[in-house]
Amino acid sequence: MIHAELGPDLEAIVLDLIESGKYSSRTQVLRDSEELKDWREAQALAFTELLDSRLATPSSEYIPAEEAFDSLFRELGITDDGNE
């Protein structure tokens, strides 16, 4: 078994989670945090792959960013000087 010093800030967070009843042990908190880290990494990878795919195959439906922002600003009623 590995024991690690989390430092006072992280230790306080872990103890608060246990005392609140959300978790029953430090091990459970650390396992859940590892699962969350893995999930976030998978989401970031999926996003990167989708972005790469979209950038590699431009669509005629895409509009220039400046045009998109102009349209959005008009829809929100924002003028060029930043006032509504």
N, C-alpha and C. Protein backbone atom coordinates (compact mmCIF):
# COMPACT_ATOMS: atom_id res chain seq x y z
N MET A 1 0.85 -1.17 0.00
CA MET A 1 0.00 0.00 0.00
C MET A 1 0.89 1.24 0.00
N ILE A 2 0.49 2.24 -0.76
CA ILE A 2 1.24 3.48 -0.85
C ILE A 2 0.57 4.54 0.02
N HIS A 3 1.39 5.25 0.77
CA HIS A 3 0.89 6.36 1.56
C HIS A 3 1.50 7.63 0.98
N ALA A 4 0.67 8.66 0.82
CA ALA A 4 1.17 9.91 0.23
C ALA A 4 0.74 11.09 1.08
N GLU A 5 1.63 12.04 1.18
CA GLU A 5 1.32 13.29 1.88
C GLU A 5 0.65 14.22 0.88
N LEU A 6 -0.59 14.60 1.15
CA LEU A 6 -1.34 15.44 0.23
C LEU A 6 -1.11 16.92 0.45
N GLY A 7 -0.60 17.27 1.59
CA GLY A 7 -0.46 18.68 1.92
C GLY A 7 -1.72 19.15 2.62
N PRO A 8 -1.63 20.23 3.36
CA PRO A 8 -2.75 20.66 4.19
C PRO A 8 -4.01 21.03 3.40
N ASP A 9 -3.87 21.66 2.25
CA ASP A 9 -5.06 22.07 1.49
C ASP A 9 -5.83 20.87 0.95
N LEU A 10 -5.13 19.95 0.28
CA LEU A 10 -5.80 18.78 -0.27
C LEU A 10 -6.30 17.85 0.84
N GLU A 11 -5.54 17.74 1.89
CA GLU A 11 -5.97 16.90 3.02
C GLU A 11 -7.27 17.43 3.60
N ALA A 12 -7.39 18.75 3.72
CA ALA A 12 -8.62 19.36 4.24
C ALA A 12 -9.80 19.07 3.33
N ILE A 13 -9.58 19.12 2.03
CA ILE A 13 -10.66 18.83 1.07
C ILE A 13 -11.11 17.38 1.22
N VAL A 14 -10.14 16.48 1.29
CA VAL A 14 -10.47 15.05 1.43
C VAL A 14 -11.23 14.80 2.72
N LEU A 15 -10.77 15.38 3.81
CA LEU A 15 -11.45 15.18 5.10
C LEU A 15 -12.85 15.77 5.07
N ASP A 16 -13.03 16.92 4.43
CA ASP A 16 -14.37 17.52 4.31
C ASP A 16 -15.31 16.60 3.53
N LEU A 17 -14.80 15.99 2.46
CA LEU A 17 -15.62 15.08 1.67
C LEU A 17 -16.04 13.86 2.48
N ILE A 18 -15.13 13.36 3.30
CA ILE A 18 -15.44 12.20 4.14
C ILE A 18 -16.42 12.59 5.24
N GLU A 19 -16.16 13.72 5.90
CA GLU A 19 -17.03 14.17 6.99
C GLU A 19 -18.43 14.52 6.49
N SER A 20 -18.54 14.96 5.23
CA SER A 20 -19.86 15.30 4.69
C SER A 20 -20.69 14.07 4.37
N GLY A 21 -20.03 12.90 4.33
CA GLY A 21 -20.73 11.66 4.03
C GLY A 21 -20.72 11.31 2.55
N LYS A 22 -20.12 12.15 1.72
CA LYS A 22 -20.07 11.86 0.28
C LYS A 22 -19.15 10.68 -0.01
N TYR A 23 -18.14 10.50 0.81
CA TYR A 23 -17.20 9.40 0.67
C TYR A 23 -16.98 8.77 2.03
N SER A 24 -16.60 7.48 2.02
CA SER A 24 -16.40 6.80 3.30
C SER A 24 -14.94 6.67 3.69
N SER A 25 -14.04 6.94 2.72
CA SER A 25 -12.61 6.79 3.02
C SER A 25 -11.76 7.63 2.08
N ARG A 26 -10.51 7.81 2.50
CA ARG A 26 -9.55 8.52 1.63
C ARG A 26 -9.36 7.76 0.32
N THR A 27 -9.31 6.44 0.41
CA THR A 27 -9.13 5.61 -0.77
C THR A 27 -10.25 5.84 -1.77
N GLN A 28 -11.47 5.93 -1.29
CA GLN A 28 -12.62 6.16 -2.17
C GLN A 28 -12.51 7.52 -2.86
N VAL A 29 -12.09 8.54 -2.12
CA VAL A 29 -11.91 9.87 -2.71
C VAL A 29 -10.86 9.81 -3.81
N LEU A 30 -9.73 9.18 -3.53
CA LEU A 30 -8.64 9.11 -4.51
C LEU A 30 -9.02 8.28 -5.73
N ARG A 31 -9.76 7.19 -5.54
CA ARG A 31 -10.22 6.39 -6.68
C ARG A 31 -11.14 7.21 -7.57
N ASP A 32 -12.07 7.92 -6.94
CA ASP A 32 -13.02 8.74 -7.69
C ASP A 32 -12.29 9.85 -8.44
N SER A 33 -11.31 10.45 -7.81
CA SER A 33 -10.56 11.52 -8.47
C SER A 33 -9.77 10.97 -9.67
N GLU A 34 -9.25 9.75 -9.55
CA GLU A 34 -8.54 9.12 -10.66
C GLU A 34 -9.50 8.84 -11.82
N GLU A 35 -10.70 8.35 -11.50
CA GLU A 35 -11.71 8.11 -12.54
C GLU A 35 -12.10 9.41 -13.23
N LEU A 36 -12.24 10.47 -12.45
CA LEU A 36 -12.59 11.77 -13.03
C LEU A 36 -11.47 12.27 -13.93
N LYS A 37 -10.23 12.11 -13.50
CA LYS A 37 -9.09 12.51 -14.32
C LYS A 37 -9.08 11.75 -15.63
N ASP A 38 -9.31 10.45 -15.57
CA ASP A 38 -9.35 9.63 -16.79
C ASP A 38 -10.48 10.09 -17.71
N TRP A 39 -11.65 10.38 -17.14
CA TRP A 39 -12.79 10.84 -17.93
C TRP A 39 -12.46 12.16 -18.61
N ARG A 40 -11.86 13.10 -17.86
CA ARG A 40 -11.52 14.41 -18.43
C ARG A 40 -10.50 14.26 -19.56
N GLU A 41 -9.52 13.39 -19.38
CA GLU A 41 -8.53 13.16 -20.43
C GLU A 41 -9.19 12.57 -21.68
N ALA A 42 -10.14 11.64 -21.49
CA ALA A 42 -10.85 11.06 -22.63
C ALA A 42 -11.70 12.11 -23.34
N GLN A 43 -12.35 12.99 -22.58
CA GLN A 43 -13.14 14.06 -23.18
C GLN A 43 -12.25 15.02 -23.98
N ALA A 44 -11.10 15.36 -23.42
CA ALA A 44 -10.18 16.27 -24.11
C ALA A 44 -9.66 15.62 -25.40
N LEU A 45 -9.35 14.34 -25.35
CA LEU A 45 -8.88 13.63 -26.54
C LEU A 45 -9.97 13.58 -27.60
N ALA A 46 -11.21 13.27 -27.19
CA ALA A 46 -12.32 13.22 -28.14
C ALA A 46 -12.55 14.58 -28.78
N PHE A 47 -12.45 15.64 -27.98
CA PHE A 47 -12.62 16.99 -28.51
C PHE A 47 -11.52 17.30 -29.52
N THR A 48 -10.28 16.98 -29.18
CA THR A 48 -9.15 17.25 -30.07
C THR A 48 -9.30 16.49 -31.38
N GLU A 49 -9.72 15.24 -31.29
CA GLU A 49 -9.92 14.44 -32.50
C GLU A 49 -11.03 15.02 -33.37
N LEU A 50 -12.13 15.44 -32.75
CA LEU A 50 -13.23 16.04 -33.49
C LEU A 50 -12.79 17.35 -34.13
N LEU A 51 -12.08 18.18 -33.39
CA LEU A 51 -11.60 19.44 -33.91
C LEU A 51 -10.65 19.21 -35.09
N ASP A 52 -9.71 18.29 -34.93
CA ASP A 52 -8.78 17.97 -36.01
C ASP A 52 -9.54 17.50 -37.26
N SER A 53 -10.55 16.67 -37.05
CA SER A 53 -11.34 16.16 -38.16
C SER A 53 -12.08 17.29 -38.87
N ARG A 54 -12.69 18.17 -38.08
CA ARG A 54 -13.44 19.29 -38.67
C ARG A 54 -12.51 20.25 -39.41
N LEU A 55 -11.34 20.49 -38.86
CA LEU A 55 -10.40 21.41 -39.50
C LEU A 55 -9.82 20.80 -40.78
N ALA A 56 -9.73 19.49 -40.82
CA ALA A 56 -9.17 18.81 -41.98
C ALA A 56 -10.16 18.75 -43.14
N THR A 57 -11.44 18.88 -42.84
CA THR A 57 -12.47 18.80 -43.88
C THR A 57 -13.38 20.02 -43.80
N PRO A 58 -12.91 21.15 -44.32
CA PRO A 58 -13.73 22.37 -44.27
C PRO A 58 -15.06 22.17 -44.98
N SER A 59 -16.04 22.85 -44.51
CA SER A 59 -17.38 22.75 -45.07
C SER A 59 -17.79 24.07 -45.69
N SER A 60 -18.60 23.98 -46.71
CA SER A 60 -19.12 25.20 -47.33
C SER A 60 -20.10 25.91 -46.40
N GLU A 61 -20.53 25.21 -45.33
CA GLU A 61 -21.46 25.80 -44.37
C GLU A 61 -20.74 26.72 -43.38
N TYR A 62 -19.44 26.64 -43.31
CA TYR A 62 -18.69 27.47 -42.38
C TYR A 62 -18.66 28.90 -42.88
N ILE A 63 -18.65 29.82 -41.93
CA ILE A 63 -18.54 31.23 -42.28
C ILE A 63 -17.31 31.79 -41.57
N PRO A 64 -16.74 32.86 -42.11
CA PRO A 64 -15.57 33.45 -41.45
C PRO A 64 -15.89 33.90 -40.03
N ALA A 65 -14.91 33.83 -39.15
CA ALA A 65 -15.12 34.17 -37.74
C ALA A 65 -15.65 35.59 -37.59
N GLU A 66 -15.09 36.54 -38.34
CA GLU A 66 -15.54 37.93 -38.23
C GLU A 66 -17.03 38.05 -38.55
N GLU A 67 -17.46 37.35 -39.58
CA GLU A 67 -18.88 37.37 -39.95
C GLU A 67 -19.73 36.72 -38.85
N ALA A 68 -19.24 35.65 -38.27
CA ALA A 68 -19.97 34.98 -37.20
C ALA A 68 -20.12 35.89 -35.99
N PHE A 69 -19.04 36.58 -35.61
CA PHE A 69 -19.11 37.49 -34.46
C PHE A 69 -20.02 38.67 -34.76
N ASP A 70 -19.93 39.22 -35.97
CA ASP A 70 -20.82 40.33 -36.33
C ASP A 70 -22.28 39.92 -36.19
N SER A 71 -22.60 38.74 -36.68
CA SER A 71 -23.97 38.23 -36.59
C SER A 71 -24.39 38.05 -35.13
N LEU A 72 -23.50 37.50 -34.34
CA LEU A 72 -23.79 37.28 -32.92
C LEU A 72 -23.99 38.61 -32.20
N PHE A 73 -23.11 39.58 -32.47
CA PHE A 73 -23.23 40.89 -31.83
C PHE A 73 -24.55 41.56 -32.21
N ARG A 74 -24.93 41.46 -33.49
CA ARG A 74 -26.22 42.04 -33.91
C ARG A 74 -27.36 41.37 -33.16
N GLU A 75 -27.31 40.05 -33.06
CA GLU A 75 -28.37 39.29 -32.37
C GLU A 75 -28.48 39.70 -30.90
N LEU A 76 -27.32 39.98 -30.28
CA LEU A 76 -27.30 40.37 -28.87
C LEU A 76 -27.50 41.87 -28.67
N GLY A 77 -27.54 42.62 -29.76
CA GLY A 77 -27.73 44.05 -29.67
C GLY A 77 -26.50 44.80 -29.21
N ILE A 78 -25.32 44.25 -29.49
CA ILE A 78 -24.07 44.88 -29.09
C ILE A 78 -23.50 45.64 -30.28
N THR A 79 -23.16 46.91 -30.05
CA THR A 79 -22.60 47.74 -31.11
C THR A 79 -21.08 47.59 -31.16
N ASP A 80 -20.47 48.16 -32.21
CA ASP A 80 -19.01 48.07 -32.37
C ASP A 80 -18.25 48.68 -31.22
N ASP A 81 -18.84 49.68 -30.55
CA ASP A 81 -18.14 50.31 -29.44
C ASP A 81 -18.32 49.59 -28.12
N GLY A 82 -18.99 48.42 -28.18
CA GLY A 82 -19.17 47.61 -26.97
C GLY A 82 -20.41 47.96 -26.16
N ASN A 83 -21.17 48.97 -26.59
CA ASN A 83 -22.37 49.36 -25.85
C ASN A 83 -23.59 48.64 -26.40
N GLU A 84 -24.56 48.44 -25.53
CA GLU A 84 -25.81 47.81 -25.97
C GLU A 84 -26.80 48.88 -26.35
